[in-house]
Amino acid sequence: MTAAAPATDGRSTGAPSTAPRGLTPKRLYRVVAIAEAITWTALISGLVIRAVVGGDTGDLAVRIGGSVHGFVFLAYGATAVLTAINQRWSVGLGMLAVVTAVVPYATIPFDMWAHRTGRLEGGWRREATDDPRDAVWFDRLVRWMLRHPILLAAALLLAVVALFTVLLIVGPPVPKA
């Protein structure tokens, strides 16, 4: 038995595979959507602890759960927008993806629906195609950023951290009674 020769991209040519490898839009979106739902649990648990225990312990539980949820909420929003752009979702569908983070656990059924309907299939659009939208400056910029994933991740993280910091300075969305 002869070993398959490696392809130029480092993969084996022994078994043909059309599936994208690595961190695909589907994998990234799913991980962050699940993380957003999990952090809802942390926030809700903190609210329950505050209602039952009260005092500084309850306030700390809400502060921790709320902070983690807030950060992941913003990261989910950035991920949903990036995924919507890459997958060429309509503006309405992209907005719906972002809005699902407002309703506890709604990111999970949206992810399941997007997966079932094929809206998360395919890899990152790093190269231009014959599609006329690929000639638009915005698509060229997105492709360039996708070809530089570390820079893209750093820019998105910096944007999320900056927005998170501003929101922390502004204060909680609901004033204390």
Protein backbone atom coordinates (compact mmCIF):
# COMPACT_ATOMS: atom_id res chain seq x y z
CA MET A 1 0.00 0.00 0.00
CA THR A 2 1.41 3.36 -1.03
CA ALA A 3 0.92 6.50 1.03
CA ALA A 4 -0.88 9.33 -0.68
CA ALA A 5 1.32 12.18 -1.81
CA PRO A 6 0.76 15.43 0.04
CA ALA A 7 -0.92 18.18 -1.89
CA THR A 8 0.72 21.58 -2.26
CA ASP A 9 -1.36 22.94 0.61
CA GLY A 10 -0.13 20.22 3.00
CA ARG A 11 -3.23 18.01 2.84
CA SER A 12 -3.12 14.42 1.70
CA THR A 13 -4.46 13.75 -1.79
CA GLY A 14 -5.45 10.19 -0.83
CA ALA A 15 -9.11 10.92 -0.16
CA PRO A 16 -10.84 13.73 -2.00
CA SER A 17 -12.55 16.20 0.30
CA THR A 18 -14.68 19.15 -0.65
CA ALA A 19 -15.27 20.19 2.96
CA PRO A 20 -13.49 23.37 4.04
CA ARG A 21 -10.79 22.75 6.64
CA GLY A 22 -9.94 24.76 9.72
CA LEU A 23 -12.09 27.46 11.24
CA THR A 24 -14.99 27.81 8.82
CA PRO A 25 -17.74 30.42 9.07
CA LYS A 26 -20.06 27.65 10.32
CA ARG A 27 -17.68 26.57 13.09
CA LEU A 28 -16.89 30.11 14.23
CA TYR A 29 -20.54 31.14 14.23
CA ARG A 30 -21.65 28.01 16.07
CA VAL A 31 -19.00 28.32 18.81
CA VAL A 32 -19.79 31.97 19.49
CA ALA A 33 -23.57 31.39 19.31
CA ILE A 34 -23.29 28.62 21.91
CA ALA A 35 -20.98 30.76 24.07
CA GLU A 36 -23.54 33.57 23.94
CA ALA A 37 -26.27 31.21 25.13
CA ILE A 38 -24.06 29.87 27.92
CA THR A 39 -23.34 33.39 29.14
CA TRP A 40 -27.09 34.02 29.30
CA THR A 41 -27.11 31.21 31.86
CA ALA A 42 -24.34 32.94 33.82
CA LEU A 43 -26.25 36.23 33.83
CA ILE A 44 -29.58 34.63 34.76
CA SER A 45 -27.85 32.61 37.51
CA GLY A 46 -26.36 35.83 38.87
CA LEU A 47 -29.80 37.43 38.93
CA VAL A 48 -31.22 34.42 40.79
CA ILE A 49 -28.35 34.52 43.30
CA ARG A 50 -28.95 38.22 43.87
CA ALA A 51 -32.68 37.60 44.40
CA VAL A 52 -32.09 34.70 46.81
CA VAL A 53 -28.91 35.72 48.64
CA GLY A 54 -28.89 39.47 48.08
CA GLY A 55 -26.19 41.75 49.43
CA ASP A 56 -22.69 42.04 48.05
CA THR A 57 -22.60 38.37 47.00
CA GLY A 58 -25.67 38.79 44.80
CA ASP A 59 -24.35 42.03 43.31
CA LEU A 60 -20.99 40.39 42.58
CA ALA A 61 -22.71 37.42 40.88
CA VAL A 62 -24.67 39.78 38.63
CA ARG A 63 -21.59 41.91 37.92
CA ILE A 64 -19.53 38.88 36.91
CA GLY A 65 -22.28 37.16 34.91
CA GLY A 66 -23.32 40.44 33.31
CA SER A 67 -19.77 41.41 32.36
CA VAL A 68 -18.97 38.05 30.80
CA HIS A 69 -22.30 38.01 28.99
CA GLY A 70 -21.87 41.58 27.79
CA PHE A 71 -18.45 40.86 26.31
CA VAL A 72 -19.59 37.65 24.61
CA PHE A 73 -22.76 39.43 23.42
CA LEU A 74 -20.60 42.00 21.62
CA ALA A 75 -18.30 39.28 20.25
CA TYR A 76 -21.37 37.41 18.96
CA GLY A 77 -22.62 40.57 17.26
CA ALA A 78 -19.26 41.04 15.51
CA THR A 79 -19.20 37.36 14.52
CA ALA A 80 -22.77 37.50 13.21
CA VAL A 81 -21.96 40.56 11.08
CA LEU A 82 -18.76 38.98 9.71
CA THR A 83 -20.60 35.74 8.95
CA ALA A 84 -23.50 37.59 7.31
CA ILE A 85 -21.08 39.51 5.07
CA ASN A 86 -19.07 36.41 4.16
CA GLN A 87 -22.13 34.27 3.48
CA ARG A 88 -23.82 37.12 1.59
CA TRP A 89 -26.90 37.13 3.77
CA SER A 90 -29.41 39.90 3.22
CA VAL A 91 -29.19 42.89 5.56
CA GLY A 92 -32.43 41.76 7.20
CA LEU A 93 -31.12 38.26 7.87
CA GLY A 94 -27.85 39.66 9.24
CA MET A 95 -29.79 41.98 11.54
CA LEU A 96 -31.97 39.08 12.67
CA ALA A 97 -28.83 37.10 13.54
CA VAL A 98 -27.58 39.98 15.70
CA VAL A 99 -31.00 40.53 17.33
CA THR A 100 -31.22 36.88 18.39
CA ALA A 101 -28.59 37.66 21.03
CA VAL A 102 -31.08 39.94 22.80
CA VAL A 103 -33.48 37.05 23.49
CA PRO A 104 -32.07 34.47 25.93
CA TYR A 105 -30.88 31.34 24.12
CA ALA A 106 -32.26 32.45 20.73
CA THR A 107 -28.84 32.19 19.06
CA ILE A 108 -29.07 28.39 19.27
CA PRO A 109 -32.28 27.92 17.24
CA PHE A 110 -31.09 30.54 14.75
CA ASP A 111 -27.81 28.65 14.34
CA MET A 112 -29.70 25.39 13.86
CA TRP A 113 -31.98 26.99 11.26
CA ALA A 114 -29.06 28.61 9.41
CA HIS A 115 -27.24 25.27 9.39
CA ARG A 116 -30.32 23.31 8.25
CA THR A 117 -31.01 25.77 5.40
CA GLY A 118 -27.39 25.81 4.20
CA ARG A 119 -26.76 29.45 5.08
CA LEU A 120 -23.53 28.58 6.90
CA GLU A 121 -22.03 26.33 4.22
CA GLY A 122 -18.76 27.09 2.52
CA GLY A 123 -15.46 28.59 3.49
CA TRP A 124 -14.23 32.12 3.86
CA ARG A 125 -14.45 34.17 0.65
CA ARG A 126 -10.77 35.10 0.30
CA GLU A 127 -10.62 35.20 -3.51
CA ALA A 128 -12.66 37.11 -6.05
CA THR A 129 -15.16 35.23 -8.20
CA ASP A 130 -17.24 36.17 -11.24
CA ASP A 131 -19.92 37.55 -8.92
CA PRO A 132 -20.33 41.29 -9.65
CA ARG A 133 -20.40 42.01 -5.90
CA ASP A 134 -16.75 40.95 -5.70
CA ALA A 135 -15.79 44.09 -7.62
CA VAL A 136 -17.22 46.37 -4.90
CA TRP A 137 -14.63 48.04 -2.65
CA PHE A 138 -16.26 46.65 0.50
CA ASP A 139 -16.01 43.04 -0.70
CA ARG A 140 -12.39 43.62 -1.71
CA LEU A 141 -11.68 44.97 1.78
CA VAL A 142 -13.41 42.00 3.44
CA ARG A 143 -11.44 39.54 1.24
CA TRP A 144 -8.19 41.30 2.13
CA MET A 145 -9.03 41.10 5.85
CA LEU A 146 -9.97 37.42 5.51
CA ARG A 147 -6.58 36.76 3.88
CA HIS A 148 -5.00 38.31 7.02
CA PRO A 149 -6.91 36.47 9.77
CA ILE A 150 -4.65 37.54 12.64
CA LEU A 151 -5.09 41.19 11.71
CA LEU A 152 -8.85 40.66 11.32
CA ALA A 153 -9.12 38.91 14.69
CA ALA A 154 -7.06 41.66 16.36
CA ALA A 155 -9.19 44.41 14.78
CA LEU A 156 -12.45 42.72 15.81
CA LEU A 157 -11.14 42.08 19.33
CA LEU A 158 -9.98 45.68 19.63
CA ALA A 159 -13.40 46.93 18.46
CA VAL A 160 -15.23 44.67 20.93
CA VAL A 161 -12.93 45.69 23.80
CA ALA A 162 -13.30 49.40 22.96
CA LEU A 163 -17.10 49.17 22.79
CA PHE A 164 -17.18 47.07 25.97
CA THR A 165 -15.05 49.67 27.76
CA VAL A 166 -17.30 52.53 26.64
CA LEU A 167 -20.38 50.61 27.79
CA LEU A 168 -18.75 49.93 31.16
CA ILE A 169 -18.08 53.64 31.57
CA VAL A 170 -21.66 54.53 30.60
CA GLY A 171 -23.03 52.03 33.10
CA PRO A 172 -25.62 49.27 33.17
CA PRO A 173 -28.57 49.38 30.78
CA VAL A 174 -31.04 49.46 33.66
CA PRO A 175 -30.49 51.96 36.48
CA LYS A 176 -30.38 50.60 40.01
CA ALA A 177 -33.62 51.08 41.95
